[in-house]
Amino acid sequence: MTRTRIATRPCPYRESELLRQGGIHPVLARLYASRGLSDAKELSSELAALMPPSGLLHIGAAGVFLADAIAAKKRMVIVADYDCDGATACAVAIRGLRAMGADVDFIVPNRFEYGYGLTPEIVELTAREKSPDIIITVDNGIASIDGVAEANRRGIQVVVTDHHLPADTLPDAAVIVNPNQPACGFPSKHLAGVGVVFYVLLALRAELRRRGIFDAQTQPKLDNLLDLVALGTVADVVRLDTNNRILVAQGLKRMRKGNMHAGVAALFRVAGREARSATPFDLGFALGPRLNAAGRLQDMSLGIECLITDDEGRAWALAQQLNDINLKRREIEAEMQDTALLHLDDFEPANSSTISVFDASWHQGVIGIVASRLKEKFYRPTITFAPGADGWIKGSGRSIPGFHLRDALDLVSKRAPSLIDKFGGHAMAAGLTIRADAFDAFSQAFEAVGQAWLSQQQLERVVETDGPLEDAYYTTAFIELMDGQVWGQGFAPPVFCDEFRVVSQRILKERHLKLLLEKNGVRFDAIWFGHTDALGERTRVAFRLDANEYNGTTKVQLMVEHAEPA
């Protein structure tokens, strides 16, 4: 199996001292400094600290364009991506635009028939079913050159709002707002699709104020959309930089107070989570997957309907449907994972830097999750393929740090121009379409890029930790303090590391290792999920702190991430 080692994040002493002197808890000061923060101001989660919209290229033009369209009573249709970011972005756009007087509807094409992005086929479908004057893309569109051309040909104007990385040419849209388009100087390149839409609404509202349609008192309150913005941002696993942390912190704050949309409340309930103590983990692992499942197995309109209805009964009925679809998704995923491991029976991590797997029985809506699981297991950039239409197969890939997946696919397509039909994505996740008979050639070309780009060291899994935790902080009060912060992608949740004596260990439910660990005379319960190999008497443990409630008492428990002989 892949080698794993424990490493400690370097912590710049001066920065952590400055934060501590600024009144930050000493452990938090150290955690923040080692994650690149140097100024307590960057920790502000107040809305006033949000980067102003003016930094986004063409955002003013988008505000003017939409304000004109509302004044002229033009008909707008949102075309969304079919994941959680796309669904929340669509709901934010619908709610925000309607609040400002727009005539706006949405369409969710079936991903299996129409593919990804604004394709000419989707434009044709939208024109036929909704006859819009304007199409607004959310969380897609930056690569839709043919689709935008088709819309223009039909006299439909297109506004592209997206955050994906653009190709060498941009679509010929009326306006494009995307922090990752060339020449956009917006300091945060990590806005999710829903974040971009939220910014466009802020700019539109400012333009309507300028025109005297609203004043500060009468304007629609856009901050009530922040529960949706937080959900999409966390679920899309974008980097939680200072700006995204503000959006997420504000959304969580509203959820904890009970100020959320009916659909978000229903998703909490159906997932058995407490909105009163909402965390980024709930959004990423409980709510997000239930919304995503609809887009993976059926179509995302169920998810969007759940987020745009104000009827609690309807929201609850939709949330239960989404929950059922998610259970089905888990079954399909488990079967596909077993099949994938059979394909990889003779896979030797030592001889390969990448993984490509295809199975004719696979469901293309779930291959991304399977790729993610295989990447976790083998710690290799992984692409899984499922059959598409007439001899094509669709791939979904997930990567490891240091291997930019979209750039890798770009290189493969430049080296072998006929190999990939189309591709797109980010550094850590991407999708592509190839001919079924080109699978072996693609696997070899992809592996060649992996061999060239990845060193042996990069293919070792590193569990990054924050080093030892002082004895005084193994407390539920300290856990509460940590839970109050926004951790996530690019701002990793704290993992501590120390040496313990193993007092006892037993296997739980044939799958997990239950431990009693001792340090400086104090004993701690610990559990290592999905691991059954026994540990030696002294062990170095990387762990997260967890407050475990049992029979009315709350105790500190260590969640083991990795352990090695001390």
Protein backbone atom coordinates (compact mmCIF):
# COMPACT_ATOMS: atom_id res chain seq x y z
CA MET A 1 0.00 0.00 0.00
CA THR A 2 0.92 3.65 -0.21
CA ARG A 3 3.34 4.88 2.42
CA THR A 4 1.99 7.35 4.96
CA ARG A 5 4.06 9.55 7.20
CA ILE A 6 3.25 12.08 9.89
CA ALA A 7 4.68 15.58 9.47
CA THR A 8 4.37 18.72 11.59
CA ARG A 9 3.41 22.02 9.96
CA PRO A 10 6.06 24.68 10.42
CA CYS A 11 4.78 27.53 12.57
CA PRO A 12 6.36 30.98 12.13
CA TYR A 13 7.03 32.08 15.71
CA ARG A 14 6.81 35.84 15.10
CA GLU A 15 3.37 35.66 13.44
CA SER A 16 1.96 33.42 16.14
CA GLU A 17 3.30 35.76 18.86
CA LEU A 18 1.72 38.79 17.16
CA LEU A 19 -1.64 37.02 16.95
CA ARG A 20 -1.36 35.96 20.59
CA GLN A 21 -0.55 39.52 21.65
CA GLY A 22 -3.57 40.62 19.61
CA GLY A 23 -5.73 38.67 22.06
CA ILE A 24 -6.04 35.37 20.18
CA HIS A 25 -6.02 32.12 22.23
CA PRO A 26 -2.41 30.82 22.30
CA VAL A 27 -3.20 27.50 20.57
CA LEU A 28 -5.41 29.18 17.95
CA ALA A 29 -2.65 31.75 17.37
CA ARG A 30 -0.25 28.89 16.57
CA LEU A 31 -2.81 27.11 14.35
CA TYR A 32 -3.58 30.29 12.39
CA ALA A 33 0.06 31.27 11.95
CA SER A 34 0.94 27.85 10.56
CA ARG A 35 -1.92 28.24 8.04
CA GLY A 36 -0.47 31.48 6.70
CA LEU A 37 -2.36 34.10 8.71
CA SER A 38 -0.34 36.95 10.14
CA ASP A 39 -2.91 39.59 11.03
CA ALA A 40 -5.90 39.31 13.36
CA LYS A 41 -7.86 41.40 10.80
CA GLU A 42 -7.83 38.38 8.45
CA LEU A 43 -9.87 36.54 11.07
CA SER A 44 -12.77 38.95 10.89
CA SER A 45 -15.91 37.11 9.87
CA GLU A 46 -18.02 40.27 9.63
CA LEU A 47 -19.71 41.05 6.31
CA ALA A 48 -18.08 44.48 6.30
CA ALA A 49 -14.71 42.74 5.85
CA LEU A 50 -15.82 41.09 2.58
CA MET A 51 -13.80 42.08 -0.51
CA PRO A 52 -15.79 44.67 -2.49
CA PRO A 53 -17.44 43.51 -5.76
CA SER A 54 -15.68 46.27 -7.70
CA GLY A 55 -12.54 44.11 -7.88
CA LEU A 56 -14.27 41.59 -10.15
CA LEU A 57 -13.71 42.22 -13.87
CA HIS A 58 -16.91 43.30 -15.72
CA ILE A 59 -19.03 43.17 -12.54
CA GLY A 60 -20.19 46.76 -13.09
CA ALA A 61 -21.16 45.89 -16.66
CA ALA A 62 -23.08 42.85 -15.37
CA GLY A 63 -24.98 45.09 -12.93
CA VAL A 64 -25.89 47.57 -15.68
CA PHE A 65 -26.82 44.81 -18.15
CA LEU A 66 -29.16 43.08 -15.67
CA ALA A 67 -30.67 46.37 -14.45
CA ASP A 68 -31.45 47.31 -18.06
CA ALA A 69 -32.92 43.85 -18.66
CA ILE A 70 -35.20 44.16 -15.60
CA ALA A 71 -36.31 47.65 -16.72
CA ALA A 72 -37.11 46.30 -20.20
CA LYS A 73 -39.01 43.35 -18.65
CA LYS A 74 -36.82 40.85 -20.47
CA ARG A 75 -37.24 37.16 -19.80
CA MET A 76 -34.22 35.47 -18.18
CA VAL A 77 -33.45 31.78 -17.77
CA ILE A 78 -30.75 30.35 -15.50
CA VAL A 79 -28.77 27.36 -16.78
CA ALA A 80 -27.04 25.73 -13.81
CA ASP A 81 -24.42 23.07 -13.32
CA TYR A 82 -25.85 19.91 -11.75
CA ASP A 83 -23.87 19.73 -8.51
CA CYS A 84 -24.44 21.32 -5.11
CA ASP A 85 -22.60 24.52 -6.07
CA GLY A 86 -24.71 24.76 -9.23
CA ALA A 87 -27.96 24.12 -7.34
CA THR A 88 -27.24 26.69 -4.61
CA ALA A 89 -26.00 29.19 -7.24
CA CYS A 90 -29.23 28.70 -9.21
CA ALA A 91 -31.36 29.16 -6.06
CA VAL A 92 -29.42 32.30 -5.07
CA ALA A 93 -29.82 33.72 -8.60
CA ILE A 94 -33.57 32.97 -8.74
CA ARG A 95 -34.27 34.36 -5.25
CA GLY A 96 -32.05 37.43 -5.66
CA LEU A 97 -33.18 38.36 -9.17
CA ARG A 98 -36.87 37.91 -8.32
CA ALA A 99 -36.43 40.10 -5.24
CA MET A 100 -35.14 42.81 -7.59
CA GLY A 101 -38.07 42.54 -9.97
CA ALA A 102 -36.70 40.22 -12.65
CA ASP A 103 -38.77 37.79 -14.70
CA VAL A 104 -36.56 34.73 -14.23
CA ASP A 105 -36.92 30.97 -14.54
CA PHE A 106 -34.42 28.09 -14.62
CA ILE A 107 -33.86 24.94 -16.65
CA VAL A 108 -31.91 21.86 -15.60
CA PRO A 109 -31.06 19.68 -18.55
CA ASN A 110 -30.40 16.01 -17.86
CA ARG A 111 -26.61 15.68 -17.65
CA PHE A 112 -26.62 12.27 -19.34
CA GLU A 113 -28.39 13.56 -22.45
CA TYR A 114 -26.96 17.04 -22.75
CA GLY A 115 -23.47 16.88 -21.26
CA TYR A 116 -21.79 19.58 -19.24
CA GLY A 117 -22.01 23.34 -19.60
CA LEU A 118 -24.07 25.46 -21.98
CA THR A 119 -24.01 23.22 -25.08
CA PRO A 120 -25.76 24.12 -28.37
CA GLU A 121 -28.29 21.34 -27.56
CA ILE A 122 -29.12 22.97 -24.20
CA VAL A 123 -29.53 26.37 -25.89
CA GLU A 124 -31.92 24.76 -28.39
CA LEU A 125 -33.88 23.07 -25.56
CA THR A 126 -34.02 26.30 -23.51
CA ALA A 127 -35.19 28.33 -26.53
CA ARG A 128 -37.89 25.75 -27.27
CA GLU A 129 -39.18 25.35 -23.70
CA LYS A 130 -38.64 28.79 -22.15
CA SER A 131 -38.13 31.24 -25.04
CA PRO A 132 -35.80 33.54 -23.06
CA ASP A 133 -34.30 36.87 -24.10
CA ILE A 134 -31.31 36.22 -21.84
CA ILE A 135 -29.57 33.09 -20.60
CA ILE A 136 -27.54 33.37 -17.39
CA THR A 137 -25.11 30.53 -16.67
CA VAL A 138 -24.18 29.79 -13.07
CA ASP A 139 -21.18 27.63 -12.12
CA ASN A 140 -20.56 26.84 -15.81
CA GLY A 141 -20.25 28.54 -19.19
CA ILE A 142 -16.62 29.67 -19.29
CA ALA A 143 -15.84 26.83 -21.72
CA SER A 144 -19.16 27.00 -23.64
CA ILE A 145 -17.88 28.65 -26.82
CA ASP A 146 -20.23 26.75 -29.18
CA GLY A 147 -23.24 27.11 -26.89
CA VAL A 148 -22.85 30.87 -26.56
CA ALA A 149 -22.39 31.14 -30.35
CA GLU A 150 -25.63 29.19 -30.84
CA ALA A 151 -27.47 31.49 -28.39
CA ASN A 152 -26.14 34.56 -30.22
CA ARG A 153 -27.29 33.06 -33.53
CA ARG A 154 -30.80 32.77 -32.07
CA GLY A 155 -30.75 36.34 -30.76
CA ILE A 156 -30.47 35.25 -27.10
CA GLN A 157 -27.94 37.22 -25.03
CA VAL A 158 -25.76 35.30 -22.56
CA VAL A 159 -24.34 36.35 -19.20
CA VAL A 160 -21.69 33.89 -18.01
CA THR A 161 -21.05 33.62 -14.25
CA ASP A 162 -18.51 30.91 -13.47
CA HIS A 163 -15.38 30.12 -11.48
CA HIS A 164 -13.86 27.29 -13.53
CA LEU A 165 -10.56 27.80 -15.32
CA PRO A 166 -10.95 29.22 -18.84
CA ALA A 167 -9.36 27.77 -21.99
CA ASP A 168 -7.29 29.90 -24.38
CA THR A 169 -10.41 31.43 -25.94
CA LEU A 170 -13.43 32.82 -24.10
CA PRO A 171 -17.05 32.53 -25.26
CA ASP A 172 -18.52 35.55 -27.03
CA ALA A 173 -20.98 36.39 -24.24
CA ALA A 174 -22.56 39.77 -23.48
CA VAL A 175 -20.82 39.76 -20.07
CA ILE A 176 -18.50 37.30 -18.34
CA VAL A 177 -17.90 37.43 -14.58
CA ASN A 178 -15.31 34.90 -13.42
CA PRO A 179 -12.48 35.64 -10.98
CA ASN A 180 -10.30 33.22 -12.98
CA GLN A 181 -10.66 34.91 -16.37
CA PRO A 182 -7.53 36.64 -17.70
CA ALA A 183 -6.98 40.20 -16.45
CA CYS A 184 -9.40 39.83 -13.53
CA GLY A 185 -7.62 41.35 -10.55
CA PHE A 186 -10.00 40.03 -7.87
CA PRO A 187 -7.79 39.02 -4.92
CA SER A 188 -9.71 35.80 -4.16
CA LYS A 189 -9.52 33.37 -7.07
CA HIS A 190 -11.32 30.77 -4.97
CA LEU A 191 -14.93 32.00 -5.05
CA ALA A 192 -17.31 29.11 -5.75
CA GLY A 193 -19.95 29.47 -8.47
CA VAL A 194 -22.48 30.48 -5.81
CA GLY A 195 -20.07 33.13 -4.50
CA VAL A 196 -19.73 34.65 -7.98
CA VAL A 197 -23.53 34.87 -8.35
CA PHE A 198 -23.84 36.45 -4.92
CA TYR A 199 -21.34 39.14 -5.98
CA VAL A 200 -23.25 39.75 -9.23
CA LEU A 201 -26.43 40.33 -7.19
CA LEU A 202 -24.56 42.81 -4.93
CA ALA A 203 -23.46 44.74 -8.04
CA LEU A 204 -26.97 44.67 -9.53
CA ARG A 205 -28.46 45.96 -6.28
CA ALA A 206 -25.89 48.78 -6.15
CA GLU A 207 -26.82 49.71 -9.74
CA LEU A 208 -30.55 49.73 -8.90
CA ARG A 209 -29.80 52.00 -5.91
CA ARG A 210 -27.92 54.35 -8.22
CA ARG A 211 -31.00 54.46 -10.46
CA GLY A 212 -33.19 55.32 -7.48
CA ILE A 213 -35.24 52.08 -7.67
CA PHE A 214 -34.25 51.20 -4.09
CA ASP A 215 -32.64 53.02 -1.22
CA ALA A 216 -30.78 51.54 1.73
CA GLN A 217 -34.11 51.02 3.54
CA THR A 218 -36.18 49.50 0.74
CA GLN A 219 -33.55 47.37 -1.02
CA PRO A 220 -33.83 43.55 -0.84
CA LYS A 221 -31.76 41.99 1.96
CA LEU A 222 -29.24 39.82 0.14
CA ASP A 223 -27.58 38.62 3.36
CA ASN A 224 -30.51 36.25 3.85
CA LEU A 225 -29.06 34.24 0.94
CA LEU A 226 -25.87 33.48 2.87
CA ASP A 227 -27.05 30.07 4.12
CA LEU A 228 -27.17 28.98 0.46
CA VAL A 229 -23.83 30.67 -0.33
CA ALA A 230 -22.15 28.89 2.61
CA LEU A 231 -23.60 25.51 1.62
CA GLY A 232 -22.44 25.74 -2.01
CA THR A 233 -19.01 27.10 -1.05
CA VAL A 234 -18.25 24.29 1.41
CA ALA A 235 -19.77 21.53 -0.75
CA ASP A 236 -17.71 22.59 -3.78
CA VAL A 237 -14.51 22.16 -1.76
CA VAL A 238 -13.04 25.48 -2.90
CA ARG A 239 -10.23 26.92 -0.84
CA LEU A 240 -11.52 28.65 2.29
CA ASP A 241 -9.42 31.79 1.98
CA THR A 242 -10.23 34.85 4.10
CA ASN A 243 -13.08 35.92 1.81
CA ASN A 244 -14.71 32.50 1.56
CA ARG A 245 -14.36 32.02 5.33
CA ILE A 246 -16.42 35.20 5.85
CA LEU A 247 -19.16 33.94 3.51
CA VAL A 248 -19.22 30.54 5.25
CA ALA A 249 -19.03 31.96 8.79
CA GLN A 250 -21.94 34.29 8.04
CA GLY A 251 -24.03 31.47 6.58
CA LEU A 252 -23.33 29.19 9.56
CA LYS A 253 -24.17 32.00 11.98
CA ARG A 254 -27.57 32.39 10.34
CA MET A 255 -28.22 28.63 10.38
CA ARG A 256 -27.36 28.39 14.08
CA LYS A 257 -29.87 31.14 14.83
CA GLY A 258 -32.52 29.33 12.79
CA ASN A 259 -32.47 31.93 9.98
CA MET A 260 -32.34 29.66 6.96
CA HIS A 261 -34.42 28.72 3.96
CA ALA A 262 -37.00 25.97 4.34
CA GLY A 263 -35.00 23.58 2.12
CA VAL A 264 -31.78 24.01 4.10
CA ALA A 265 -33.66 23.39 7.36
CA ALA A 266 -35.30 20.29 5.84
CA LEU A 267 -31.91 18.94 4.70
CA PHE A 268 -30.53 19.32 8.22
CA ARG A 269 -33.52 17.46 9.58
CA VAL A 270 -33.46 14.62 7.05
CA ALA A 271 -29.71 14.17 7.64
CA GLY A 272 -30.27 13.98 11.40
CA ARG A 273 -28.02 16.98 12.08
CA GLU A 274 -28.65 19.94 14.40
CA ALA A 275 -28.75 23.30 12.62
CA ARG A 276 -28.29 24.93 16.05
CA SER A 277 -24.71 23.70 16.06
CA ALA A 278 -24.09 23.72 12.29
CA THR A 279 -20.47 23.19 11.17
CA PRO A 280 -18.72 23.17 7.78
CA PHE A 281 -18.56 19.38 8.21
CA ASP A 282 -22.39 19.19 8.19
CA LEU A 283 -22.52 21.21 4.97
CA GLY A 284 -19.82 19.19 3.22
CA PHE A 285 -20.72 15.69 4.38
CA ALA A 286 -24.43 15.71 5.32
CA LEU A 287 -26.28 18.36 3.28
CA GLY A 288 -24.03 18.59 0.21
CA PRO A 289 -24.12 14.88 -0.74
CA ARG A 290 -27.94 14.77 -0.48
CA LEU A 291 -28.22 17.64 -2.96
CA ASN A 292 -25.49 16.24 -5.20
CA ALA A 293 -27.16 12.83 -5.38
CA ALA A 294 -30.06 14.28 -7.39
CA GLY A 295 -27.70 15.63 -10.04
CA ARG A 296 -25.75 12.37 -10.07
CA LEU A 297 -28.62 9.94 -10.52
CA GLN A 298 -31.60 11.92 -11.87
CA ASP A 299 -31.64 15.63 -12.52
CA MET A 300 -30.91 18.52 -10.23
CA SER A 301 -34.34 20.16 -10.48
CA LEU A 302 -35.42 18.35 -7.28
CA GLY A 303 -32.51 19.93 -5.41
CA ILE A 304 -33.17 23.40 -6.81
CA GLU A 305 -36.91 23.11 -6.06
CA CYS A 306 -36.02 22.19 -2.49
CA LEU A 307 -33.88 25.34 -2.17
CA ILE A 308 -36.31 27.79 -3.80
CA THR A 309 -39.57 26.76 -2.13
CA ASP A 310 -40.76 28.68 0.92
CA ASP A 311 -43.32 25.99 1.75
CA GLU A 312 -41.96 23.94 4.66
CA GLY A 313 -44.10 20.90 3.86
CA ARG A 314 -42.93 20.82 0.26
CA ALA A 315 -39.31 21.37 1.33
CA TRP A 316 -39.57 18.41 3.72
CA ALA A 317 -41.11 16.15 1.05
CA LEU A 318 -38.33 17.09 -1.39
CA ALA A 319 -35.61 16.62 1.25
CA GLN A 320 -36.92 13.09 1.88
CA GLN A 321 -36.82 12.34 -1.85
CA LEU A 322 -33.24 13.65 -1.99
CA ASN A 323 -32.37 11.46 0.99
CA ASP A 324 -33.76 8.35 -0.77
CA ILE A 325 -31.79 9.15 -3.92
CA ASN A 326 -28.67 9.54 -1.79
CA LEU A 327 -29.17 6.08 -0.23
CA LYS A 328 -29.45 4.64 -3.74
CA ARG A 329 -26.29 6.55 -4.73
CA ARG A 330 -24.44 4.94 -1.80
CA GLU A 331 -25.48 1.43 -2.91
CA ILE A 332 -24.38 2.05 -6.49
CA GLU A 333 -21.13 3.57 -5.26
CA ALA A 334 -20.34 0.60 -2.98
CA GLU A 335 -20.85 -1.85 -5.89
CA MET A 336 -18.73 0.27 -8.23
CA GLN A 337 -15.97 0.53 -5.65
CA ASP A 338 -15.85 -3.26 -5.26
CA THR A 339 -15.62 -3.64 -9.05
CA ALA A 340 -12.90 -1.00 -9.20
CA LEU A 341 -10.81 -2.85 -6.62
CA LEU A 342 -11.17 -6.05 -8.68
CA HIS A 343 -9.84 -4.14 -11.72
CA LEU A 344 -6.95 -2.94 -9.55
CA ASP A 345 -6.21 -6.34 -8.04
CA ASP A 346 -2.71 -6.43 -9.46
CA PHE A 347 -2.18 -2.67 -9.19
CA GLU A 348 1.33 -1.93 -7.89
CA PRO A 349 1.51 1.60 -6.46
CA ALA A 350 5.30 1.38 -6.68
CA ASN A 351 5.17 1.12 -10.49
CA SER A 352 2.42 3.63 -11.25
CA SER A 353 1.94 7.33 -10.65
CA THR A 354 -1.68 7.45 -11.87
CA ILE A 355 -4.80 5.28 -12.04
CA SER A 356 -7.27 5.03 -14.94
CA VAL A 357 -10.15 2.53 -14.70
CA PHE A 358 -13.11 1.80 -16.98
CA ASP A 359 -16.01 -0.57 -16.48
CA ALA A 360 -18.91 -0.96 -18.91
CA SER A 361 -21.40 -1.46 -16.07
CA TRP A 362 -20.64 1.81 -14.28
CA HIS A 363 -23.02 4.73 -13.72
CA GLN A 364 -21.51 7.97 -14.99
CA GLY A 365 -23.17 10.05 -12.27
CA VAL A 366 -21.16 8.30 -9.55
CA ILE A 367 -17.71 7.86 -11.14
CA GLY A 368 -16.44 11.08 -9.55
CA ILE A 369 -17.05 9.75 -6.04
CA VAL A 370 -15.43 6.42 -6.90
CA ALA A 371 -12.40 8.27 -8.30
CA SER A 372 -12.25 10.19 -5.04
CA ARG A 373 -12.33 6.99 -2.94
CA LEU A 374 -9.63 5.30 -5.04
CA LYS A 375 -7.46 8.41 -4.84
CA GLU A 376 -7.81 8.30 -1.04
CA LYS A 377 -6.91 4.60 -0.93
CA PHE A 378 -3.93 4.60 -3.31
CA TYR A 379 -2.95 8.27 -3.14
CA ARG A 380 -2.60 8.59 -6.92
CA PRO A 381 -4.32 10.98 -9.39
CA THR A 382 -7.27 8.82 -10.48
CA ILE A 383 -9.70 8.93 -13.40
CA THR A 384 -12.68 6.56 -13.54
CA PHE A 385 -14.65 6.09 -16.76
CA ALA A 386 -18.22 5.02 -17.46
CA PRO A 387 -19.97 4.45 -20.80
CA GLY A 388 -21.50 7.50 -22.47
CA ALA A 389 -23.39 7.56 -25.77
CA ASP A 390 -22.41 5.67 -28.97
CA GLY A 391 -18.88 4.53 -28.32
CA TRP A 392 -17.85 7.44 -26.11
CA ILE A 393 -16.84 7.07 -22.48
CA LYS A 394 -16.90 9.78 -19.82
CA GLY A 395 -14.19 10.17 -17.23
CA SER A 396 -14.17 11.93 -13.90
CA GLY A 397 -10.87 12.56 -12.15
CA ARG A 398 -9.58 13.53 -8.72
CA SER A 399 -6.03 14.57 -7.95
CA ILE A 400 -3.46 14.87 -5.17
CA PRO A 401 -1.55 18.03 -4.17
CA GLY A 402 1.14 18.99 -6.67
CA PHE A 403 -0.58 17.46 -9.71
CA HIS A 404 -2.80 19.93 -11.58
CA LEU A 405 -5.38 17.68 -13.19
CA ARG A 406 -6.79 20.10 -15.75
CA ASP A 407 -3.26 21.06 -16.87
CA ALA A 408 -2.35 17.37 -17.12
CA LEU A 409 -5.32 16.71 -19.42
CA ASP A 410 -4.36 19.81 -21.41
CA LEU A 411 -0.87 18.38 -21.89
CA VAL A 412 -2.22 14.97 -22.96
CA SER A 413 -4.49 16.64 -25.52
CA LYS A 414 -1.61 18.74 -26.86
CA ARG A 415 0.65 15.69 -27.19
CA ALA A 416 -2.05 13.54 -28.79
CA PRO A 417 -4.60 15.93 -30.30
CA SER A 418 -7.09 13.23 -31.36
CA LEU A 419 -7.21 11.46 -28.00
CA ILE A 420 -9.54 13.63 -25.88
CA ASP A 421 -12.82 14.93 -27.28
CA LYS A 422 -13.39 17.54 -24.54
CA PHE A 423 -12.22 18.22 -21.00
CA GLY A 424 -12.44 20.85 -18.28
CA GLY A 425 -12.10 21.41 -14.55
CA HIS A 426 -9.74 22.51 -11.81
CA ALA A 427 -6.42 21.49 -10.27
CA MET A 428 -7.98 18.83 -8.05
CA ALA A 429 -10.98 17.64 -10.10
CA ALA A 430 -11.70 17.41 -13.81
CA GLY A 431 -13.87 15.66 -16.37
CA LEU A 432 -13.33 14.47 -19.94
CA THR A 433 -14.81 12.48 -22.82
CA ILE A 434 -12.83 10.03 -24.98
CA ARG A 435 -13.68 7.21 -27.41
CA ALA A 436 -13.99 3.83 -25.71
CA ASP A 437 -11.32 2.34 -27.99
CA ALA A 438 -8.90 5.12 -26.97
CA PHE A 439 -8.95 4.13 -23.28
CA ASP A 440 -5.61 2.26 -23.28
CA ALA A 441 -3.85 4.97 -25.27
CA PHE A 442 -5.22 7.60 -22.90
CA SER A 443 -4.16 5.65 -19.79
CA GLN A 444 -0.61 5.43 -21.13
CA ALA A 445 -0.48 9.12 -22.08
CA PHE A 446 -1.88 10.13 -18.67
CA GLU A 447 0.59 7.87 -16.87
CA ALA A 448 3.46 9.43 -18.87
CA VAL A 449 2.48 12.88 -17.52
CA GLY A 450 2.27 11.42 -14.01
CA GLN A 451 5.75 9.86 -14.30
CA ALA A 452 7.16 13.19 -15.51
CA TRP A 453 5.45 15.42 -12.94
CA LEU A 454 5.35 13.40 -9.72
CA SER A 455 8.30 12.45 -7.54
CA GLN A 456 8.26 9.42 -5.21
CA GLN A 457 8.01 11.82 -2.30
CA GLN A 458 4.85 13.45 -3.69
CA LEU A 459 3.27 9.99 -3.93
CA GLU A 460 3.66 9.41 -0.21
CA ARG A 461 0.62 10.39 1.78
CA VAL A 462 1.58 12.99 4.38
CA VAL A 463 -0.65 13.52 7.41
CA GLU A 464 0.05 17.14 8.28
CA THR A 465 -0.29 17.89 11.98
CA ASP A 466 0.01 20.84 14.32
CA GLY A 467 2.39 19.01 16.67
CA PRO A 468 1.68 18.33 20.35
CA LEU A 469 -1.21 19.90 22.23
CA GLU A 470 -0.51 21.23 25.72
CA ASP A 471 -2.07 19.05 28.45
CA ALA A 472 -4.30 21.90 29.67
CA TYR A 473 -6.30 21.95 26.42
CA TYR A 474 -7.58 18.37 26.25
CA THR A 475 -10.95 19.80 27.30
CA THR A 476 -14.49 20.11 25.94
CA ALA A 477 -14.22 23.90 26.38
CA PHE A 478 -11.22 23.98 24.03
CA ILE A 479 -13.07 21.75 21.54
CA GLU A 480 -15.97 24.22 21.57
CA LEU A 481 -13.57 27.07 20.89
CA MET A 482 -12.14 25.19 17.87
CA ASP A 483 -15.61 24.26 16.59
CA GLY A 484 -16.50 27.96 16.56
CA GLN A 485 -13.92 28.61 13.79
CA VAL A 486 -14.40 27.90 10.08
CA TRP A 487 -12.03 25.13 8.97
CA GLY A 488 -12.05 23.42 5.60
CA GLN A 489 -10.30 23.14 2.25
CA GLY A 490 -7.02 25.09 2.31
CA PHE A 491 -7.57 25.95 5.98
CA ALA A 492 -7.23 22.50 7.42
CA PRO A 493 -9.00 21.47 10.62
CA PRO A 494 -6.51 21.03 13.50
CA VAL A 495 -4.79 17.65 13.80
CA PHE A 496 -2.46 17.24 16.76
CA CYS A 497 0.29 14.70 17.20
CA ASP A 498 1.97 13.17 20.25
CA GLU A 499 3.40 10.01 21.76
CA PHE A 500 1.13 7.83 23.88
CA ARG A 501 1.32 4.53 25.72
CA VAL A 502 -1.26 2.06 24.43
CA VAL A 503 -3.05 0.81 27.56
CA SER A 504 -5.54 -1.40 25.72
CA GLN A 505 -6.90 -1.97 22.22
CA ARG A 506 -9.72 -4.00 20.72
CA ILE A 507 -11.46 -4.31 17.37
CA LEU A 508 -14.95 -2.81 17.16
CA LYS A 509 -17.57 -4.18 14.71
CA GLU A 510 -14.75 -5.94 12.79
CA ARG A 511 -13.81 -2.59 11.24
CA HIS A 512 -12.45 -0.09 13.76
CA LEU A 513 -9.71 0.01 16.38
CA LYS A 514 -10.87 1.15 19.83
CA LEU A 515 -7.98 2.33 22.01
CA LEU A 516 -7.20 3.50 25.50
CA LEU A 517 -4.16 5.80 25.34
CA GLU A 518 -2.15 7.33 28.16
CA LYS A 519 0.03 10.42 28.32
CA ASN A 520 1.54 11.96 31.47
CA GLY A 521 -0.66 9.76 33.64
CA VAL A 522 -3.91 10.84 31.95
CA ARG A 523 -5.95 8.33 29.94
CA PHE A 524 -7.96 9.03 26.80
CA ASP A 525 -10.45 7.01 24.79
CA ALA A 526 -9.48 6.91 21.12
CA ILE A 527 -10.85 5.36 17.95
CA TRP A 528 -9.25 4.72 14.55
CA PHE A 529 -12.00 4.23 11.99
CA GLY A 530 -11.50 1.74 9.18
CA HIS A 531 -8.31 0.36 10.69
CA THR A 532 -7.86 -2.99 12.46
CA ASP A 533 -4.09 -3.62 12.69
CA ALA A 534 -2.86 -3.62 16.28
CA LEU A 535 -0.46 -0.93 17.52
CA GLY A 536 2.73 -1.40 19.50
CA GLU A 537 3.01 -0.38 23.14
CA ARG A 538 4.35 3.12 22.45
CA THR A 539 2.94 4.92 19.47
CA ARG A 540 3.04 8.30 17.79
CA VAL A 541 -0.52 9.33 17.05
CA ALA A 542 -1.95 12.00 14.75
CA PHE A 543 -5.44 12.80 16.03
CA ARG A 544 -8.39 15.18 16.05
CA LEU A 545 -10.14 16.10 19.29
CA ASP A 546 -13.77 15.14 19.56
CA ALA A 547 -16.34 15.72 22.31
CA ASN A 548 -18.10 12.39 22.71
CA GLU A 549 -21.48 12.49 24.41
CA TYR A 550 -22.56 9.26 26.09
CA ASN A 551 -25.26 8.75 28.74
CA GLY A 552 -25.49 12.46 29.39
CA THR A 553 -21.76 13.05 30.04
CA THR A 554 -19.39 14.56 27.51
CA LYS A 555 -15.80 13.32 27.40
CA VAL A 556 -12.84 14.15 25.22
CA GLN A 557 -12.12 11.42 22.68
CA LEU A 558 -9.23 11.24 20.21
CA MET A 559 -10.10 10.48 16.59
CA VAL A 560 -6.99 8.82 15.17
CA GLU A 561 -5.95 9.93 11.68
CA HIS A 562 -2.76 7.88 11.61
CA ALA A 563 -0.36 6.18 14.01
CA GLU A 564 3.21 4.92 13.73
CA PRO A 565 5.64 3.27 16.16
CA ALA A 566 7.18 5.83 18.52
